[in-house]
Protein backbone atom coordinates (compact mmCIF):
# COMPACT_ATOMS: atom_id res chain seq x y z
CA UNK A 1 -85.32 101.65 64.29
CA UNK A 2 -82.22 102.41 62.34
CA UNK A 3 -80.90 100.03 59.62
CA UNK A 4 -77.53 99.61 61.27
CA UNK A 5 -76.84 98.89 64.94
CA UNK A 6 -73.62 100.84 65.21
CA UNK A 7 -71.43 97.74 65.28
CA UNK A 8 -68.63 99.46 63.58
CA UNK A 9 -68.63 97.05 60.66
CA UNK A 10 -68.70 98.09 57.00
CA UNK A 11 -72.46 98.70 56.23
CA UNK A 12 -73.94 97.28 53.06
CA UNK A 13 -77.53 98.18 52.05
CA UNK A 14 -79.18 96.13 49.37
CA UNK A 15 -81.85 98.15 47.63
CA UNK A 16 -84.40 96.04 45.92
CA UNK A 17 -87.53 96.67 43.83
CA UNK A 18 -90.64 94.89 42.71
CA UNK A 19 -90.00 91.39 41.31
CA UNK A 20 -86.46 91.47 42.83
CA UNK A 21 -84.16 88.77 41.36
CA UNK A 22 -83.94 86.53 44.35
CA UNK A 23 -80.63 84.96 43.38
CA UNK A 24 -78.89 88.37 43.17
CA UNK A 25 -80.31 89.47 46.42
CA UNK A 26 -79.07 86.35 48.13
CA UNK A 27 -75.51 86.75 46.51
CA UNK A 28 -74.88 89.92 48.45
CA UNK A 29 -76.03 88.58 51.85
CA UNK A 30 -74.27 85.27 51.24
CA UNK A 31 -70.77 86.67 50.29
CA UNK A 32 -70.45 89.66 52.53
CA UNK A 33 -72.02 87.74 55.34
CA UNK A 34 -69.23 85.17 55.25
CA UNK A 35 -66.36 87.55 55.40
CA UNK A 36 -64.35 87.26 58.63
CA UNK A 37 -61.41 88.81 60.08
CA UNK A 38 -58.45 86.65 61.46
CA UNK A 39 -60.16 86.66 64.81
CA UNK A 40 -63.35 85.37 63.31
CA UNK A 41 -65.25 88.72 63.62
CA UNK A 42 -67.90 89.53 60.91
CA UNK A 43 -66.51 92.36 58.68
CA UNK A 44 -69.76 93.59 57.21
CA UNK A 45 -73.33 94.20 58.25
CA UNK A 46 -75.84 93.72 55.46
CA UNK A 47 -79.43 94.91 55.38
CA UNK A 48 -82.20 94.87 52.72
CA UNK A 49 -84.13 98.03 52.04
CA UNK A 50 -86.74 99.28 49.50
CA UNK A 51 -88.71 102.40 48.52
CA UNK A 52 -91.27 101.47 51.17
CA UNK A 53 -90.85 98.81 53.88
CA UNK A 54 -93.18 95.79 53.62
CA UNK A 55 -93.63 92.79 51.38
CA UNK A 56 -91.75 92.85 48.16
CA UNK A 57 -92.43 90.35 45.25
CA UNK A 58 -89.45 88.48 43.88
CA UNK A 59 -89.14 86.67 40.62
CA UNK A 60 -89.91 83.36 42.30
CA UNK A 61 -93.15 82.18 44.03
CA UNK A 62 -92.33 83.91 47.37
CA UNK A 63 -92.09 87.42 48.73
CA UNK A 64 -89.55 89.03 51.04
CA UNK A 65 -90.52 91.23 54.02
CA UNK A 66 -88.35 94.34 54.07
CA UNK A 67 -88.27 96.31 57.21
CA UNK A 68 -85.98 99.20 56.07
CA UNK A 69 -86.87 102.08 53.80
CA UNK A 70 -84.63 104.47 51.97
CA UNK A 71 -83.16 105.83 55.19
CA UNK A 72 -80.69 102.88 55.10
CA UNK A 73 -79.01 104.44 52.17
CA UNK A 74 -77.85 107.38 54.19
CA UNK A 75 -76.18 105.08 56.78
CA UNK A 76 -74.59 102.69 54.28
CA UNK A 77 -70.89 102.48 53.34
CA UNK A 78 -71.80 100.38 50.21
CA UNK A 79 -75.16 100.40 48.35
CA UNK A 80 -75.89 97.37 46.02
CA UNK A 81 -78.75 97.49 43.55
CA UNK A 82 -79.74 94.08 42.15
CA UNK A 83 -81.81 93.69 38.97
CA UNK A 84 -85.58 93.13 38.75
CA UNK A 85 -87.70 90.86 36.71
CA UNK A 86 -89.52 94.04 35.53
CA UNK A 87 -86.35 94.99 33.72
CA UNK A 88 -86.66 92.08 31.28
CA UNK A 89 -90.20 92.91 30.15
CA UNK A 90 -90.28 94.05 26.47
CA UNK A 91 -89.87 97.77 27.15
CA UNK A 92 -88.48 97.49 30.67
CA UNK A 93 -90.30 98.64 33.77
CA UNK A 94 -90.56 102.21 35.05
CA UNK A 95 -88.04 103.35 37.59
CA UNK A 96 -89.66 105.35 40.39
CA UNK A 97 -88.25 109.07 40.36
CA UNK A 98 -88.22 108.93 44.15
CA UNK A 99 -85.83 105.98 44.02
CA UNK A 100 -83.33 107.53 41.71
CA UNK A 101 -83.60 110.88 43.65
CA UNK A 102 -82.64 108.95 46.84
CA UNK A 103 -79.65 107.37 45.11
CA UNK A 104 -78.61 110.79 43.75
CA UNK A 105 -78.58 112.13 47.24
CA UNK A 106 -76.25 109.49 48.78
CA UNK A 107 -73.34 111.17 50.55
CA UNK A 108 -70.06 111.48 48.82
CA UNK A 109 -67.70 108.56 49.39
CA UNK A 110 -70.50 105.76 49.45
CA UNK A 111 -69.50 103.02 47.26
CA UNK A 112 -72.49 102.21 44.78
CA UNK A 113 -72.76 99.08 42.85
CA UNK A 114 -75.39 97.17 40.59
CA UNK A 115 -75.92 93.64 39.68
CA UNK A 116 -77.31 92.87 36.25
CA UNK A 117 -80.01 95.29 35.22
CA UNK A 118 -79.71 97.21 38.51
CA UNK A 119 -77.46 99.49 36.32
CA UNK A 120 -80.56 100.93 34.80
CA UNK A 121 -81.34 102.34 38.25
CA UNK A 122 -77.93 103.76 38.58
CA UNK A 123 -77.86 105.19 35.07
CA UNK A 124 -81.30 106.85 35.58
CA UNK A 125 -79.97 108.50 38.75
CA UNK A 126 -77.14 110.00 36.78
CA UNK A 127 -74.55 108.07 38.68
CA UNK A 128 -73.13 106.48 35.40
CA UNK A 129 -72.94 109.52 33.34
CA UNK A 130 -69.41 109.57 31.69
CA UNK A 131 -68.45 106.36 33.49
CA UNK A 132 -67.66 102.88 32.20
CA UNK A 133 -70.44 100.41 32.90
CA UNK A 134 -72.06 97.15 31.89
CA UNK A 135 -75.22 95.29 32.27
CA UNK A 136 -76.75 91.91 31.27
CA UNK A 137 -76.16 91.30 27.61
CA UNK A 138 -79.81 90.73 26.74
CA UNK A 139 -80.55 94.28 27.85
CA UNK A 140 -77.48 95.93 26.24
CA UNK A 141 -79.12 97.47 23.26
CA UNK A 142 -81.90 99.09 25.28
CA UNK A 143 -79.28 100.41 27.81
CA UNK A 144 -77.16 101.96 24.99
CA UNK A 145 -80.24 103.59 23.49
CA UNK A 146 -81.56 104.93 26.76
CA UNK A 147 -78.28 106.11 28.20
CA UNK A 148 -75.95 107.19 25.38
CA UNK A 149 -73.83 109.24 27.87
CA UNK A 150 -72.66 106.08 29.56
CA UNK A 151 -69.39 104.45 28.39
CA UNK A 152 -71.03 101.06 27.94
CA UNK A 153 -68.88 97.91 27.74
CA UNK A 154 -70.60 94.69 26.79
CA UNK A 155 -67.63 92.26 27.02
CA UNK A 156 -66.80 92.42 30.65
CA UNK A 157 -68.08 90.67 33.82
CA UNK A 158 -67.98 93.82 35.93
CA UNK A 159 -66.63 97.36 35.90
CA UNK A 160 -65.17 99.53 38.77
CA UNK A 161 -65.09 103.27 37.91
CA UNK A 162 -63.69 105.08 40.96
CA UNK A 163 -66.27 103.60 43.39
CA UNK A 164 -69.18 103.09 41.03
CA UNK A 165 -69.47 99.57 40.05
CA UNK A 166 -71.59 97.51 37.69
CA UNK A 167 -71.82 93.80 36.79
CA UNK A 168 -73.38 91.78 34.06
CA UNK A 169 -75.93 89.07 34.58
CA UNK A 170 -76.54 86.90 37.68
CA UNK A 171 -73.27 84.98 38.49
CA UNK A 172 -71.04 87.85 37.67
CA UNK A 173 -72.61 89.52 40.70
CA UNK A 174 -70.50 86.97 42.72
CA UNK A 175 -67.31 88.27 40.85
CA UNK A 176 -68.42 91.76 41.68
CA UNK A 177 -68.93 91.10 45.39
CA UNK A 178 -65.64 89.14 45.71
CA UNK A 179 -63.90 92.11 43.93
CA UNK A 180 -65.36 94.57 46.54
CA UNK A 181 -64.42 92.24 49.51
CA UNK A 182 -60.92 91.79 47.92
CA UNK A 183 -60.58 95.59 47.55
CA UNK A 184 -61.60 96.20 51.25
CA UNK A 185 -59.74 93.28 53.00
CA UNK A 186 -57.25 91.72 50.57
CA UNK A 187 -57.10 88.50 48.61
CA UNK A 188 -56.90 86.14 51.63
CA UNK A 189 -60.33 87.19 53.01
CA UNK A 190 -62.00 87.18 49.54
CA UNK A 191 -60.51 83.64 48.78
CA UNK A 192 -61.79 82.39 51.98
CA UNK A 193 -65.30 83.60 51.08
CA UNK A 194 -64.88 82.02 47.75
CA UNK A 195 -63.97 78.70 49.21
CA UNK A 196 -66.89 78.81 51.53
CA UNK A 197 -69.21 79.34 48.62
CA UNK A 198 -67.40 76.92 46.44
CA UNK A 199 -66.79 79.42 43.64
CA UNK A 200 -63.65 80.52 41.69
CA UNK A 201 -61.82 83.04 43.90
CA UNK A 202 -61.05 85.48 41.07
CA UNK A 203 -62.46 85.91 37.63
CA UNK A 204 -60.98 89.03 36.10
CA UNK A 205 -63.54 91.74 35.38
CA UNK A 206 -62.29 91.92 31.84
CA UNK A 207 -63.43 88.52 30.86
CA UNK A 208 -66.20 88.20 28.38
CA UNK A 209 -69.74 87.86 29.66
CA UNK A 210 -70.33 84.61 27.69
CA UNK A 211 -68.46 82.34 25.35
CA UNK A 212 -69.30 83.09 21.84
CA UNK A 213 -67.82 79.97 20.38
CA UNK A 214 -69.38 76.45 21.15
CA UNK A 215 -68.56 74.88 24.43
CA UNK A 216 -65.80 72.33 24.14
CA UNK A 217 -66.69 68.70 23.42
CA UNK A 218 -66.84 66.83 26.80
CA UNK A 219 -65.29 63.86 25.05
CA UNK A 220 -62.11 65.80 24.43
CA UNK A 221 -59.69 66.21 27.41
CA UNK A 222 -59.54 69.54 29.21
CA UNK A 223 -56.59 71.68 29.88
CA UNK A 224 -56.85 71.04 33.63
CA UNK A 225 -53.57 69.06 33.90
CA UNK A 226 -51.69 71.88 32.35
CA UNK A 227 -53.24 74.46 34.61
CA UNK A 228 -52.44 72.37 37.67
CA UNK A 229 -48.92 71.90 36.50
CA UNK A 230 -48.44 75.67 35.88
CA UNK A 231 -49.77 76.52 39.36
CA UNK A 232 -47.10 74.26 40.79
CA UNK A 233 -44.39 75.87 38.74
CA UNK A 234 -45.42 79.51 38.90
CA UNK A 235 -41.98 80.40 40.43
CA UNK A 236 -40.24 79.57 37.02
CA UNK A 237 -40.90 80.74 33.44
CA UNK A 238 -43.82 78.79 31.87
CA UNK A 239 -44.03 78.63 28.19
CA UNK A 240 -47.03 77.88 25.88
CA UNK A 241 -44.99 74.91 24.49
CA UNK A 242 -44.67 73.36 28.02
CA UNK A 243 -48.36 73.83 28.75
CA UNK A 244 -49.35 72.22 25.47
CA UNK A 245 -46.97 69.36 25.95
CA UNK A 246 -48.66 68.60 29.20
CA UNK A 247 -51.78 67.76 27.21
CA UNK A 248 -49.95 66.20 24.27
CA UNK A 249 -51.49 68.67 21.81
CA UNK A 250 -50.12 71.42 19.50
CA UNK A 251 -49.84 74.96 20.91
CA UNK A 252 -52.48 76.09 18.41
CA UNK A 253 -54.99 73.50 19.59
CA UNK A 254 -54.13 74.19 23.27
CA UNK A 255 -54.66 77.93 22.90
CA UNK A 256 -57.99 77.50 21.20
CA UNK A 257 -59.11 74.79 23.79
CA UNK A 258 -57.90 76.98 26.72
CA UNK A 259 -59.87 79.99 25.50
CA UNK A 260 -62.98 77.79 25.10
CA UNK A 261 -62.75 76.52 28.58
CA UNK A 262 -61.37 79.50 30.67
CA UNK A 263 -62.50 82.49 28.48
CA UNK A 264 -59.00 84.15 28.23
CA UNK A 265 -55.62 83.40 26.79
CA UNK A 266 -53.14 81.15 28.54
CA UNK A 267 -50.70 84.15 29.05
CA UNK A 268 -53.42 86.31 30.56
CA UNK A 269 -54.44 83.46 32.99
CA UNK A 270 -50.86 83.01 34.04
CA UNK A 271 -50.50 86.59 34.85
CA UNK A 272 -53.73 86.48 36.90
CA UNK A 273 -52.40 83.49 38.94
CA UNK A 274 -49.10 85.22 39.60
CA UNK A 275 -50.77 88.35 40.79
CA UNK A 276 -52.92 86.31 43.02
CA UNK A 277 -50.04 84.40 44.45
CA UNK A 278 -48.01 87.65 45.01
CA UNK A 279 -50.97 89.33 46.75
CA UNK A 280 -51.33 86.37 49.09
CA UNK A 281 -47.69 86.28 49.94
CA UNK A 282 -47.60 90.09 50.45
CA UNK A 283 -50.50 89.76 52.81
CA UNK A 284 -49.82 86.69 54.76
CA UNK A 285 -46.07 86.40 55.00
CA UNK A 286 -42.95 88.46 55.96
CA UNK A 287 -41.20 87.41 52.81
CA UNK A 288 -39.08 90.17 51.33
CA UNK A 289 -40.52 91.80 48.13
CA UNK A 290 -37.61 90.44 46.05
CA UNK A 291 -38.34 86.98 47.16
CA UNK A 292 -42.18 87.41 46.66
CA UNK A 293 -41.44 88.44 42.99
CA UNK A 294 -39.43 85.32 42.46
CA UNK A 295 -41.87 82.87 44.15
CA UNK A 296 -44.76 84.36 42.23
CA UNK A 297 -42.97 84.06 38.91
CA UNK A 298 -42.18 87.75 38.12
CA UNK A 299 -38.48 87.24 38.31
CA UNK A 300 -37.58 90.67 39.71
CA UNK A 301 -39.24 93.19 42.07
CA UNK A 302 -39.28 95.81 39.35
CA UNK A 303 -41.36 93.44 37.00
CA UNK A 304 -43.82 92.68 39.75
CA UNK A 305 -44.10 96.34 40.65
CA UNK A 306 -44.92 97.26 37.14
CA UNK A 307 -47.53 94.47 36.84
CA UNK A 308 -49.23 95.26 40.15
CA UNK A 309 -49.26 98.95 39.33
CA UNK A 310 -50.95 98.20 35.98
CA UNK A 311 -53.44 95.68 37.32
CA UNK A 312 -54.22 96.98 40.94
CA UNK A 313 -53.03 100.51 40.80
CA UNK A 314 -50.56 100.08 43.76
CA UNK A 315 -46.96 99.06 44.35
CA UNK A 316 -46.18 95.79 46.21
CA UNK A 317 -45.04 97.81 49.30
CA UNK A 318 -48.24 99.82 49.44
CA UNK A 319 -50.22 96.75 48.96
CA UNK A 320 -48.64 94.95 51.77
CA UNK A 321 -48.84 98.10 54.14
CA UNK A 322 -52.50 98.39 53.34
CA UNK A 323 -53.64 94.90 54.04
CA UNK A 324 -51.06 93.84 56.73
CA UNK A 325 -51.75 96.97 58.57
CA UNK A 326 -55.42 95.97 58.94
CA UNK A 327 -54.50 92.60 60.62
CA UNK A 328 -57.49 90.92 58.88
CA UNK A 329 -55.58 88.18 57.25
CA UNK A 330 -56.89 84.68 57.08
CA UNK A 331 -54.42 82.21 58.58
CA UNK A 332 -53.42 79.00 57.05
CA UNK A 333 -51.32 77.77 54.15
CA UNK A 334 -51.42 79.34 50.67
CA UNK A 335 -53.14 76.82 48.47
CA UNK A 336 -52.81 76.55 44.70
CA UNK A 337 -55.80 75.30 42.88
CA UNK A 338 -56.69 75.44 39.20
């Protein structure tokens, strides 16, 4: 039996190992499995594979029965390698040479991603040599020592280096999967998947893996009122002074509290929200690009073009042509949420 039934959908193979991290395995199936076209058709087909078919232990008190072997890799459009509990043992577990050899043989053009310490497998297969990559912060020192030829970056949630992607620990796998869905089908589809899973639709890959400062005191009010107000006023210039005034605190205190809560600066967060708003409008409306720029708060089409080129690598017109041409938009109003 072949891994994929020839449905024409994008094929995702999840390659797991002994003591597979069950949370990370379920992330891939849950998120890609929810992605739907405007007509309600599934956009992905996801299968699980292993070095040898059969029962595979997880990090929990159950096993999973895997029916597909490494042949699934040859048929996949995307391969995802989650972490394993073995990776967190003092010296880390061995990585089977046959596994890395199979990954190294994947046909060109296949997207390859890892979640958490799955990056050790990609690096051992030579797929991360010279590339930017990350892994779980607890394993960062060992990763750097073992793979000095990888451009390791600790302070990110995920990386995307020309179709080879890595993510940090656990929940950042959600960010990585949503990023891949967004890349394939646009912000509207990815946002709908995020809503169905009740997770934030977009956490920038460049955010830090964890907050180094103490978490904010729960007795102190958050910055949620200011964020909600900003989302309702994205079409106009929004200053730091206005945001701080919404919480009745100084700009210095507001900036510190905002970073503690969100992990990035207010200015960076505003840019992210404007990009998200612009992408949604480009995908789901016929609004002229000049008007999209004004509505999203960029002011001019030139300013929006520069920002999208810097952040996404495409112009507004190219972005619209890509995602509108696929007719995979999710209908409904564009909602603003903090």
